[in-house]
Amino acid sequence: MLPSAKQRIKTADILLLLLMLFITLLCLLPLVYIISLSLSGKSAAAAGKVTLFPVDFTFYSYKYMLSDHRFFEAFGVSVKRVLLGGAINFVLTILMAFPLAKERSEFKSRNLYIWVIVFTMMFNGGLIPWYMVIKNLHLIDTLWALTLPTAVPIFNVILLMNFFRNLPKEISEAATVDGAGPWRMLLTISVPLAMPAIATVTLFSVVNHWNAFFDGMILMNKQSNIPLQTYIQQLVVQPVISSTTRAEDLINFSQRTFNAAKIVVTMLPILVIYPFLQKYFVSGITLGSVKE
């Protein structure tokens, strides 16, 4: 007897559930391993005994990290970068997406602007011209060098533009009849209705700024100006133990557990922010990705 349509749907649901569970475990296992490694002892980490649970449980790596002033300097630079860069991305993304969502009858050059921004998303001038422009603008070793080159994230603009396009046209028509101008329509109607998409693209910008490390390597010469992820990258390729390291630290210190502790700390801000914005993701990304 052939299975009924209802039974086939249930079987497909179970298979999809198992597949999603498998993918979820693949994503979580590296995170669990890093946390366990950061909480394990030096000898266990060196012997490769750490798997999913800490071995010789200790907070020594975290205690040692609290005594590293360079870590907190880099952490402060990253926080300032996220606040400034996220605010710039937030404002410019909305200001660009709103007019591009209009009909051609309202914005005749709309398609030309869309083609230009899509072209810049797919092609760029290369690393050397990018560096020379920033250098000639005297932005090297400033926070602006980390925020202005990515001031307008094109992918976020396209996502938000499509979200604006899916808003009911009757609302804007009614607002126009009531005498609302473009700024009033943007601030009192479009932005409140588009909060799911705005929250989504804002999180994209925050994560992008928080995780970026390459521009910090190229554009920052002073050690006190590098962001946190660049500092973490330097720890991977450079030894952290100096001649002033205490004897107690040499006994208990492990480069592997120390680096794992720093990775865990760098993930914490994103892990704290994400649950508050996750509820907007489904509607924000789905509606923003649909094009009429």
Protein backbone atom coordinates (compact mmCIF):
# COMPACT_ATOMS: atom_id res chain seq x y z
CA MET A 1 0.00 0.00 0.00
CA LEU A 2 1.36 3.38 -0.98
CA PRO A 3 1.70 5.92 1.85
CA SER A 4 -0.91 8.65 1.91
CA ALA A 5 -0.06 12.30 1.18
CA LYS A 6 -0.33 13.12 4.89
CA GLN A 7 2.16 10.36 5.79
CA ARG A 8 4.60 11.55 3.10
CA ILE A 9 4.42 15.08 4.49
CA LYS A 10 5.15 13.81 8.00
CA THR A 11 8.11 11.77 6.70
CA ALA A 12 9.47 14.80 4.86
CA ASP A 13 9.04 16.96 7.97
CA ILE A 14 10.96 14.45 10.09
CA LEU A 15 13.79 14.26 7.53
CA LEU A 16 14.01 18.04 7.35
CA LEU A 17 13.98 18.25 11.13
CA LEU A 18 16.83 15.74 11.38
CA LEU A 19 18.78 17.61 8.69
CA MET A 20 18.34 20.94 10.49
CA LEU A 21 19.33 19.30 13.77
CA PHE A 22 22.49 17.94 12.14
CA ILE A 23 23.39 21.35 10.69
CA THR A 24 22.70 23.00 14.06
CA LEU A 25 25.06 20.57 15.80
CA LEU A 26 27.75 21.28 13.20
CA CYS A 27 27.42 24.98 14.02
CA LEU A 28 27.34 24.51 17.80
CA LEU A 29 30.15 21.98 18.22
CA PRO A 30 33.01 24.42 17.41
CA LEU A 31 31.51 26.96 19.84
CA VAL A 32 31.20 24.36 22.61
CA TYR A 33 34.76 23.19 21.97
CA ILE A 34 36.17 26.72 22.21
CA ILE A 35 34.31 27.35 25.49
CA SER A 36 35.53 24.04 26.92
CA LEU A 37 39.09 24.76 25.83
CA SER A 38 39.04 28.17 27.47
CA LEU A 39 37.99 26.57 30.77
CA SER A 40 40.52 23.72 30.67
CA GLY A 41 43.94 23.39 32.25
CA LYS A 42 47.26 23.88 30.47
CA SER A 43 48.34 20.24 30.39
CA ALA A 44 44.95 18.99 29.17
CA ALA A 45 44.89 21.55 26.36
CA ALA A 46 48.47 20.71 25.33
CA ALA A 47 47.69 16.97 25.34
CA GLY A 48 44.58 17.45 23.21
CA LYS A 49 42.29 15.89 25.83
CA VAL A 50 39.64 18.59 25.58
CA THR A 51 36.54 17.72 23.55
CA LEU A 52 33.04 18.86 24.53
CA PHE A 53 33.67 19.29 28.25
CA PRO A 54 36.45 21.15 30.12
CA VAL A 55 39.30 19.07 31.54
CA ASP A 56 41.00 20.31 34.74
CA PHE A 57 38.42 23.08 35.03
CA THR A 58 39.93 26.54 35.66
CA PHE A 59 39.22 30.22 35.05
CA TYR A 60 42.93 31.06 34.83
CA SER A 61 42.81 32.16 31.17
CA TYR A 62 40.03 34.63 31.96
CA LYS A 63 41.88 35.92 35.04
CA TYR A 64 45.05 36.39 32.97
CA MET A 65 43.05 38.19 30.29
CA LEU A 66 41.73 40.72 32.81
CA SER A 67 45.33 41.78 33.48
CA ASP A 68 45.97 42.48 29.76
CA HIS A 69 45.45 46.22 29.20
CA ARG A 70 45.93 45.89 25.43
CA PHE A 71 42.87 43.68 25.26
CA PHE A 72 40.69 46.34 26.87
CA GLU A 73 42.16 49.05 24.62
CA ALA A 74 41.25 47.02 21.55
CA PHE A 75 37.84 46.21 23.04
CA GLY A 76 37.16 49.94 23.49
CA VAL A 77 38.15 50.68 19.88
CA SER A 78 35.76 47.99 18.64
CA VAL A 79 32.91 49.32 20.78
CA LYS A 80 33.43 52.86 19.43
CA ARG A 81 33.66 51.48 15.91
CA VAL A 82 30.39 49.57 16.25
CA LEU A 83 28.57 52.58 17.71
CA LEU A 84 29.84 55.07 15.12
CA GLY A 85 29.82 52.73 12.13
CA GLY A 86 26.43 51.27 13.03
CA ALA A 87 24.90 54.74 13.37
CA ILE A 88 26.31 55.84 9.99
CA ASN A 89 25.09 52.63 8.31
CA PHE A 90 21.66 53.03 9.94
CA VAL A 91 21.11 56.58 8.70
CA LEU A 92 22.58 56.24 5.21
CA THR A 93 20.91 52.90 4.48
CA ILE A 94 17.46 54.32 5.25
CA LEU A 95 18.09 57.55 3.33
CA MET A 96 19.20 55.63 0.24
CA ALA A 97 16.64 52.82 0.35
CA PHE A 98 13.58 55.04 0.79
CA PRO A 99 13.80 57.02 -2.48
CA LEU A 100 14.97 53.97 -4.45
CA ALA A 101 11.78 52.17 -3.41
CA LYS A 102 9.65 54.76 -5.20
CA GLU A 103 8.01 54.14 -8.59
CA ARG A 104 9.70 55.44 -11.73
CA SER A 105 6.93 57.99 -12.11
CA GLU A 106 8.00 59.49 -8.78
CA PHE A 107 11.79 59.05 -9.22
CA LYS A 108 12.73 59.00 -12.90
CA SER A 109 16.44 58.20 -12.40
CA ARG A 110 15.73 55.36 -9.96
CA ASN A 111 16.91 52.52 -12.24
CA LEU A 112 20.14 54.35 -13.08
CA TYR A 113 21.00 54.72 -9.38
CA ILE A 114 20.16 51.07 -8.74
CA TRP A 115 22.46 49.93 -11.53
CA VAL A 116 25.26 52.12 -10.20
CA ILE A 117 25.04 50.79 -6.63
CA VAL A 118 24.77 47.18 -7.84
CA PHE A 119 27.87 47.73 -10.00
CA THR A 120 29.82 49.01 -7.00
CA MET A 121 28.73 45.96 -5.02
CA MET A 122 30.06 43.56 -7.66
CA PHE A 123 33.19 45.46 -8.72
CA ASN A 124 35.67 47.63 -6.83
CA GLY A 125 38.91 49.43 -7.49
CA GLY A 126 41.12 46.99 -5.60
CA LEU A 127 43.18 47.10 -2.44
CA ILE A 128 45.81 49.67 -3.47
CA PRO A 129 43.38 52.37 -4.73
CA TRP A 130 41.26 51.76 -1.62
CA TYR A 131 44.27 52.34 0.63
CA MET A 132 45.52 55.37 -1.35
CA VAL A 133 42.12 57.09 -1.15
CA ILE A 134 41.97 56.64 2.62
CA LYS A 135 45.57 57.77 3.03
CA ASN A 136 45.10 60.90 0.88
CA LEU A 137 42.04 61.78 2.96
CA HIS A 138 44.31 61.64 6.05
CA LEU A 139 42.14 59.03 7.72
CA ILE A 140 44.95 56.60 8.60
CA ASP A 141 45.05 55.83 12.33
CA THR A 142 41.61 57.35 12.90
CA LEU A 143 38.28 55.76 13.70
CA TRP A 144 36.88 57.23 10.49
CA ALA A 145 39.12 54.93 8.45
CA LEU A 146 37.25 51.94 9.90
CA THR A 147 33.75 53.37 9.46
CA LEU A 148 33.56 55.64 6.38
CA PRO A 149 34.70 53.11 3.68
CA THR A 150 31.73 50.90 4.60
CA ALA A 151 29.31 53.74 5.28
CA VAL A 152 26.74 52.49 2.75
CA PRO A 153 26.34 48.68 2.80
CA ILE A 154 24.77 48.01 -0.60
CA PHE A 155 23.34 44.61 0.29
CA ASN A 156 21.49 46.18 3.24
CA VAL A 157 20.20 48.97 1.00
CA ILE A 158 18.75 46.46 -1.46
CA LEU A 159 17.17 44.46 1.36
CA LEU A 160 15.55 47.52 2.91
CA MET A 161 14.54 48.94 -0.47
CA ASN A 162 12.58 45.78 -1.28
CA PHE A 163 10.94 45.93 2.15
CA PHE A 164 9.80 49.51 1.52
CA ARG A 165 8.41 48.45 -1.87
CA ASN A 166 6.23 45.80 -0.22
CA LEU A 167 4.53 48.29 2.08
CA PRO A 168 0.89 48.96 1.02
CA LYS A 169 0.77 51.85 -1.43
CA GLU A 170 -2.59 52.90 -0.01
CA ILE A 171 -0.84 54.11 3.15
CA SER A 172 1.46 56.51 1.31
CA GLU A 173 -1.40 57.65 -0.92
CA ALA A 174 -3.55 58.43 2.12
CA ALA A 175 -0.64 60.27 3.76
CA THR A 176 -0.11 62.31 0.58
CA VAL A 177 -3.80 63.27 0.53
CA ASP A 178 -3.43 64.43 4.15
CA GLY A 179 -0.53 66.67 3.12
CA ALA A 180 2.43 64.61 4.35
CA GLY A 181 5.74 65.39 2.64
CA PRO A 182 8.58 62.92 1.91
CA TRP A 183 10.33 63.45 5.27
CA ARG A 184 7.12 62.99 7.26
CA MET A 185 6.25 59.87 5.29
CA LEU A 186 9.72 58.48 5.92
CA LEU A 187 9.95 59.24 9.64
CA THR A 188 6.34 58.65 10.75
CA ILE A 189 5.14 55.94 8.36
CA SER A 190 7.85 54.02 6.49
CA VAL A 191 10.46 53.71 9.25
CA PRO A 192 8.04 52.48 11.97
CA LEU A 193 6.50 49.96 9.57
CA ALA A 194 9.91 48.75 8.42
CA MET A 195 11.33 48.13 11.89
CA PRO A 196 11.80 44.35 11.30
CA ALA A 197 13.94 45.00 8.21
CA ILE A 198 15.76 47.91 9.85
CA ALA A 199 16.56 45.79 12.91
CA THR A 200 17.84 43.03 10.63
CA VAL A 201 20.14 45.23 8.54
CA THR A 202 21.34 47.03 11.69
CA LEU A 203 22.40 43.71 13.17
CA PHE A 204 24.17 42.87 9.90
CA SER A 205 26.10 46.15 10.16
CA VAL A 206 26.96 45.65 13.84
CA VAL A 207 28.23 42.11 13.25
CA ASN A 208 30.22 43.24 10.21
CA HIS A 209 31.94 46.02 12.15
CA TRP A 210 32.53 43.84 15.19
CA ASN A 211 34.08 40.95 13.23
CA ALA A 212 36.18 42.99 10.76
CA PHE A 213 39.93 42.66 11.30
CA PHE A 214 41.64 43.16 7.92
CA ASP A 215 41.15 46.94 7.70
CA GLY A 216 42.57 47.29 11.21
CA MET A 217 45.77 45.54 10.03
CA ILE A 218 46.14 47.82 7.01
CA LEU A 219 44.90 51.19 8.27
CA MET A 220 46.04 51.27 11.90
CA ASN A 221 49.72 51.84 12.68
CA LYS A 222 49.46 52.56 16.40
CA GLN A 223 48.85 49.58 18.66
CA SER A 224 46.35 51.56 20.73
CA ASN A 225 44.14 52.13 17.65
CA ILE A 226 43.65 48.57 16.45
CA PRO A 227 40.21 46.98 16.93
CA LEU A 228 39.66 43.84 18.96
CA GLN A 229 39.50 41.35 16.09
CA THR A 230 42.80 42.63 14.69
CA TYR A 231 44.33 42.23 18.14
CA ILE A 232 43.02 38.65 18.32
CA GLN A 233 44.50 37.96 14.88
CA GLN A 234 47.88 39.23 16.08
CA LEU A 235 47.72 36.88 19.06
CA VAL A 236 47.37 33.94 16.72
CA VAL A 237 50.60 34.74 14.84
CA GLN A 238 52.63 36.33 17.65
CA PRO A 239 53.53 34.89 21.08
CA VAL A 240 51.96 36.75 23.99
CA ILE A 241 54.37 35.72 26.75
CA SER A 242 56.93 38.45 27.45
CA SER A 243 59.97 38.74 29.71
CA THR A 244 57.79 40.38 32.37
CA THR A 245 55.45 37.43 32.64
CA ARG A 246 55.30 36.13 36.20
CA ALA A 247 56.54 32.68 37.15
CA GLU A 248 53.03 31.69 38.25
CA ASP A 249 51.72 32.62 34.82
CA LEU A 250 54.42 30.54 33.08
CA ILE A 251 53.33 27.52 35.11
CA ASN A 252 49.58 27.90 34.51
CA PHE A 253 49.55 29.74 31.19
CA SER A 254 48.54 28.11 27.92
CA GLN A 255 48.46 30.02 24.65
CA ARG A 256 45.65 27.81 23.36
CA THR A 257 43.35 28.30 26.35
CA PHE A 258 44.21 32.02 26.47
CA ASN A 259 43.27 32.54 22.81
CA ALA A 260 40.10 30.48 23.29
CA ALA A 261 39.09 32.69 26.24
CA LYS A 262 39.56 35.82 24.13
CA ILE A 263 37.46 34.36 21.32
CA VAL A 264 34.69 33.60 23.80
CA VAL A 265 34.79 37.15 25.17
CA THR A 266 34.67 38.64 21.66
CA MET A 267 31.56 36.60 20.89
CA LEU A 268 29.67 37.71 23.99
CA PRO A 269 28.40 41.12 22.74
CA ILE A 270 26.90 39.56 19.61
CA LEU A 271 25.41 36.68 21.61
CA VAL A 272 23.79 39.22 23.96
CA ILE A 273 22.36 41.39 21.16
CA TYR A 274 21.16 38.58 18.89
CA PRO A 275 18.22 37.24 21.02
CA PHE A 276 16.67 40.72 21.11
CA LEU A 277 16.76 41.09 17.31
CA GLN A 278 16.18 37.47 16.29
CA LYS A 279 12.36 37.87 16.36
CA TYR A 280 12.62 40.39 13.49
CA PHE A 281 14.70 38.15 11.27
CA VAL A 282 11.99 36.06 9.59
CA SER A 283 9.77 38.96 8.51
CA GLY A 284 12.72 41.30 7.96
CA ILE A 285 14.66 39.06 5.61
CA THR A 286 11.70 37.35 3.90
CA LEU A 287 9.79 40.49 2.98
CA GLY A 288 12.98 42.37 2.18
CA SER A 289 14.14 39.72 -0.25
CA VAL A 290 10.84 39.55 -2.20
CA LYS A 291 10.72 41.71 -5.31
CA GLU A 292 7.45 42.56 -6.98
